[in-house]
Protein backbone atom coordinates (compact mmCIF):
# COMPACT_ATOMS: atom_id res chain seq x y z
CA MET A 1 -31.91 -67.82 -67.80
CA ILE A 2 -30.77 -64.03 -67.40
CA SER A 3 -32.00 -62.89 -70.63
CA TYR A 4 -35.40 -64.72 -70.07
CA ILE A 5 -35.80 -63.03 -66.76
CA THR A 6 -34.95 -59.50 -67.96
CA CYS A 7 -37.23 -59.77 -70.97
CA LYS A 8 -40.08 -61.36 -69.23
CA ARG A 9 -39.95 -59.12 -66.16
CA LYS A 10 -43.41 -57.69 -66.62
CA TYR A 11 -44.81 -61.27 -66.30
CA PHE A 12 -43.41 -61.61 -62.82
CA LEU A 13 -45.11 -58.28 -61.96
CA ALA A 14 -48.39 -59.74 -63.37
CA ALA A 15 -47.84 -62.98 -61.67
CA LEU A 16 -47.16 -61.16 -58.35
CA ALA A 17 -50.53 -59.14 -58.83
CA ALA A 18 -52.46 -62.14 -59.82
CA LEU A 19 -51.26 -64.25 -56.81
CA THR A 20 -51.63 -61.33 -54.42
CA ALA A 21 -55.57 -61.06 -55.45
CA LEU A 22 -55.71 -64.73 -54.91
CA VAL A 23 -54.09 -64.81 -51.63
CA ALA A 24 -56.08 -61.91 -50.25
CA SER A 25 -59.37 -63.70 -51.31
CA ARG A 26 -58.19 -66.94 -49.59
CA SER A 27 -58.77 -68.69 -52.94
CA VAL A 28 -55.55 -70.48 -52.75
CA PHE A 29 -55.34 -71.34 -49.05
CA ALA A 30 -56.30 -75.00 -49.45
CA ILE A 31 -53.39 -75.43 -51.55
CA ASP A 32 -51.16 -73.88 -49.04
CA LEU A 33 -52.39 -76.25 -46.47
CA ALA A 34 -51.81 -79.08 -48.71
CA LEU A 35 -48.42 -78.20 -49.73
CA ILE A 36 -47.20 -77.38 -46.26
CA LYS A 37 -48.35 -80.71 -45.05
CA LEU A 38 -46.59 -82.36 -47.84
CA ILE A 39 -43.26 -80.53 -47.32
CA GLN A 40 -43.32 -81.29 -43.56
CA SER A 41 -44.39 -84.82 -43.99
CA ALA A 42 -40.84 -86.21 -43.48
CA PRO A 43 -38.92 -84.14 -41.07
CA LEU A 44 -35.13 -84.59 -40.96
CA GLU A 45 -32.56 -83.51 -38.34
CA VAL A 46 -30.30 -82.57 -41.16
CA PHE A 47 -32.78 -80.25 -42.64
CA ASP A 48 -33.74 -78.76 -39.30
CA ARG A 49 -30.09 -77.60 -39.15
CA LEU A 50 -29.89 -76.46 -42.65
CA SER A 51 -33.16 -74.42 -42.00
CA LEU A 52 -31.59 -72.73 -39.22
CA PHE A 53 -28.58 -71.90 -41.34
CA PHE A 54 -30.75 -70.64 -44.12
CA THR A 55 -32.88 -68.59 -41.69
CA ILE A 56 -29.75 -66.75 -40.56
CA LEU A 57 -28.27 -66.46 -44.46
CA GLY A 58 -31.49 -65.13 -45.76
CA SER A 59 -31.98 -62.57 -42.83
CA GLY A 60 -32.18 -58.94 -43.48
CA GLU A 61 -28.98 -58.44 -41.45
CA VAL A 62 -26.97 -60.69 -43.53
CA THR A 63 -28.53 -60.31 -46.90
CA GLY A 64 -28.09 -56.51 -46.31
CA VAL A 65 -24.23 -56.73 -45.56
CA ILE A 66 -23.79 -58.89 -48.67
CA THR A 67 -25.82 -56.28 -50.68
CA ALA A 68 -23.84 -53.37 -49.08
CA ALA A 69 -20.41 -55.29 -49.77
CA LEU A 70 -21.35 -56.01 -53.32
CA ALA A 71 -22.29 -52.52 -54.06
CA ALA A 72 -19.06 -51.27 -52.57
CA TRP A 73 -17.17 -53.71 -54.81
CA LEU A 74 -19.19 -52.32 -57.97
CA TYR A 75 -18.41 -48.76 -56.71
CA LEU A 76 -14.76 -49.41 -56.51
CA LYS A 77 -14.69 -50.98 -60.07
CA ASN A 78 -16.31 -47.86 -61.32
CA HIS A 79 -19.68 -49.13 -61.80
CA LYS A 80 -21.27 -46.41 -59.62
CA LYS A 81 -24.75 -46.52 -61.30
CA ALA A 82 -24.76 -50.24 -60.97
CA ALA A 83 -23.93 -50.10 -57.30
CA PHE A 84 -26.80 -47.31 -56.66
CA TYR A 85 -29.45 -49.22 -58.43
CA LEU A 86 -28.54 -52.48 -56.57
CA LEU A 87 -28.95 -50.54 -53.27
CA LEU A 88 -32.10 -48.83 -54.47
CA PHE A 89 -34.07 -51.93 -55.65
CA PHE A 90 -32.78 -53.96 -52.60
CA GLY A 91 -34.16 -51.34 -50.32
CA LEU A 92 -37.36 -51.13 -52.35
CA SER A 93 -37.72 -54.87 -51.84
CA VAL A 94 -37.73 -54.43 -48.08
CA ALA A 95 -40.33 -51.64 -48.42
CA VAL A 96 -42.87 -53.46 -50.72
CA GLU A 97 -42.49 -56.61 -48.66
CA LEU A 98 -43.47 -54.83 -45.53
CA SER A 99 -46.13 -52.90 -46.96
CA MET A 100 -47.58 -56.06 -48.35
CA LYS A 101 -47.41 -57.80 -45.11
CA PHE A 102 -49.52 -54.84 -43.65
CA SER A 103 -52.05 -54.88 -46.18
CA VAL A 104 -52.48 -58.57 -47.71
CA GLU A 105 -54.54 -60.41 -45.31
CA GLN A 106 -52.66 -63.77 -45.38
CA PRO A 107 -52.59 -65.17 -41.80
CA LYS A 108 -49.34 -66.32 -40.43
CA VAL A 109 -48.55 -70.24 -40.30
CA PHE A 110 -50.74 -71.81 -37.72
CA ALA A 111 -48.79 -73.03 -34.54
CA GLN A 112 -49.23 -76.81 -35.36
CA PHE A 113 -46.96 -76.21 -38.46
CA ARG A 114 -44.22 -74.34 -36.55
CA ARG A 115 -41.32 -76.47 -35.90
CA GLY A 116 -39.85 -74.55 -33.10
CA LEU A 117 -36.47 -74.42 -34.34
CA LYS A 118 -34.27 -72.20 -32.09
CA ILE A 119 -32.14 -69.76 -33.92
CA PRO A 120 -28.65 -69.56 -32.15
CA VAL A 121 -28.12 -65.79 -32.91
CA PRO A 122 -30.53 -62.88 -32.51
CA ILE A 123 -32.07 -62.00 -35.68
CA TYR A 124 -34.40 -58.88 -36.08
CA SER A 125 -37.96 -59.59 -37.22
CA PRO A 126 -40.12 -56.59 -37.62
CA PHE A 127 -43.71 -57.19 -36.13
CA THR A 128 -46.18 -57.38 -39.30
CA PRO A 129 -49.82 -58.62 -38.73
CA TYR A 130 -49.67 -60.74 -42.11
CA ALA A 131 -47.41 -63.25 -43.68
CA TYR A 132 -47.39 -62.49 -47.48
CA PRO A 133 -44.74 -62.39 -49.06
CA SER A 134 -41.79 -63.94 -47.78
CA GLY A 135 -38.85 -61.35 -47.23
CA HIS A 136 -36.33 -64.21 -47.10
CA ALA A 137 -37.51 -65.49 -50.48
CA THR A 138 -37.54 -61.93 -51.98
CA ARG A 139 -33.97 -61.24 -50.85
CA SER A 140 -32.62 -64.51 -51.77
CA VAL A 141 -34.10 -64.64 -55.42
CA ILE A 142 -32.58 -61.07 -56.06
CA LEU A 143 -29.03 -61.97 -54.75
CA SER A 144 -29.11 -65.24 -56.46
CA ILE A 145 -30.18 -63.79 -59.89
CA VAL A 146 -27.39 -61.03 -59.39
CA PHE A 147 -24.93 -63.51 -58.63
CA PHE A 148 -25.93 -66.03 -61.27
CA TYR A 149 -25.55 -62.97 -63.70
CA MET A 150 -21.96 -62.21 -62.20
CA ALA A 151 -21.06 -65.83 -62.59
CA GLN A 152 -22.20 -65.92 -66.25
CA LEU A 153 -20.34 -62.85 -67.21
CA LYS A 154 -17.13 -63.00 -65.22
CA ILE A 155 -16.18 -66.68 -65.02
CA ASN A 156 -14.20 -67.75 -68.00
CA SER A 157 -13.91 -71.57 -67.30
CA GLU A 158 -17.01 -73.24 -68.44
CA LYS A 159 -16.79 -75.83 -66.06
CA ILE A 160 -16.36 -73.55 -63.10
CA LYS A 161 -19.05 -71.25 -64.28
CA ALA A 162 -21.46 -74.36 -64.41
CA ARG A 163 -20.51 -75.37 -61.04
CA ALA A 164 -21.09 -71.75 -59.59
CA LYS A 165 -24.51 -71.54 -61.25
CA THR A 166 -25.35 -74.97 -59.90
CA PHE A 167 -24.47 -73.89 -56.44
CA ILE A 168 -26.29 -70.71 -56.69
CA VAL A 169 -29.45 -72.38 -57.87
CA SER A 170 -29.26 -75.14 -55.18
CA VAL A 171 -28.71 -72.62 -52.25
CA CYS A 172 -31.58 -70.39 -53.39
CA ALA A 173 -33.87 -73.46 -53.71
CA LEU A 174 -32.93 -74.77 -50.44
CA MET A 175 -33.67 -71.55 -48.93
CA LEU A 176 -37.06 -71.23 -50.61
CA ILE A 177 -38.08 -74.72 -49.42
CA SER A 178 -36.57 -74.24 -45.78
CA ARG A 179 -39.09 -71.15 -45.22
CA VAL A 180 -42.06 -73.59 -45.55
CA TYR A 181 -40.35 -76.65 -43.86
CA GLU A 182 -39.71 -74.78 -40.63
CA GLY A 183 -42.91 -73.29 -40.70
CA SER A 184 -42.01 -69.76 -41.17
CA HIS A 185 -44.08 -69.20 -44.31
CA TRP A 186 -46.88 -70.52 -46.38
CA PRO A 187 -45.95 -71.69 -49.82
CA MET A 188 -47.72 -68.68 -51.55
CA ASP A 189 -45.70 -66.46 -49.34
CA VAL A 190 -42.61 -68.12 -50.88
CA ILE A 191 -43.96 -67.95 -54.36
CA GLY A 192 -45.08 -64.15 -54.02
CA GLY A 193 -41.42 -63.54 -52.90
CA ILE A 194 -40.15 -65.24 -55.86
CA CYS A 195 -42.09 -63.08 -58.19
CA LEU A 196 -41.37 -59.85 -56.35
CA GLY A 197 -37.68 -60.73 -56.32
CA SER A 198 -37.39 -61.90 -59.85
CA TYR A 199 -39.09 -58.57 -61.14
CA LEU A 200 -36.77 -56.41 -59.04
CA ALA A 201 -33.58 -58.58 -59.82
CA ALA A 202 -34.60 -57.97 -63.61
CA LEU A 203 -34.70 -54.28 -63.12
CA ILE A 204 -31.29 -54.46 -61.30
CA ILE A 205 -29.56 -56.40 -64.17
CA GLU A 206 -31.02 -54.02 -66.66
CA ARG A 207 -29.16 -51.15 -64.87
CA PHE A 208 -26.18 -53.37 -64.61
CA GLN A 209 -26.08 -53.74 -68.56
CA LYS A 210 -26.84 -49.95 -68.95
CA ASP A 211 -23.45 -49.53 -66.84
CA ASN A 212 -21.54 -51.73 -68.92
CA PHE A 213 -21.32 -54.53 -66.37
């Protein structure tokens, strides 16, 4: 999986560019409507709670702390370049996400699709006029790919390695679905975040490998 992502990173960038053009032209809005209705068709209390958890977990504050802690660990392990590029590309993801949310005219999710779930802790959310792409999706994909790579590299037991990878992929998938389920984003916002996050994660992994990590 990791080798595929790093080798095919240009495809993720091309997919992001193509999807952005489609979203900006409103060519896929009917698909957004159909998918959000499908995902929200069977509301469950347990998933309401999970959605709140993932909203907090994928926030800029929490993912920022996780990224900073990981960078500090890499630095202490003498992988200073890896630490630097992790912080650089994570920061770049935020800058690109926000710039696109001011320029790609994708309306925010309509009120009737918002589940109105109340987050129990304060989370900073900068004002942006548009919704595309999802920052939660972008950050979650970046960290999931990085942790997947680390599990593949650092865990010796094949059984534990497989479980760790399954856990990472499952958490990421639930995070992505929850953004649409709770009405925070359209499906195309999430897919755009996946493309952006995958491309930047591939660049991070490439720098990790050059730093012998």
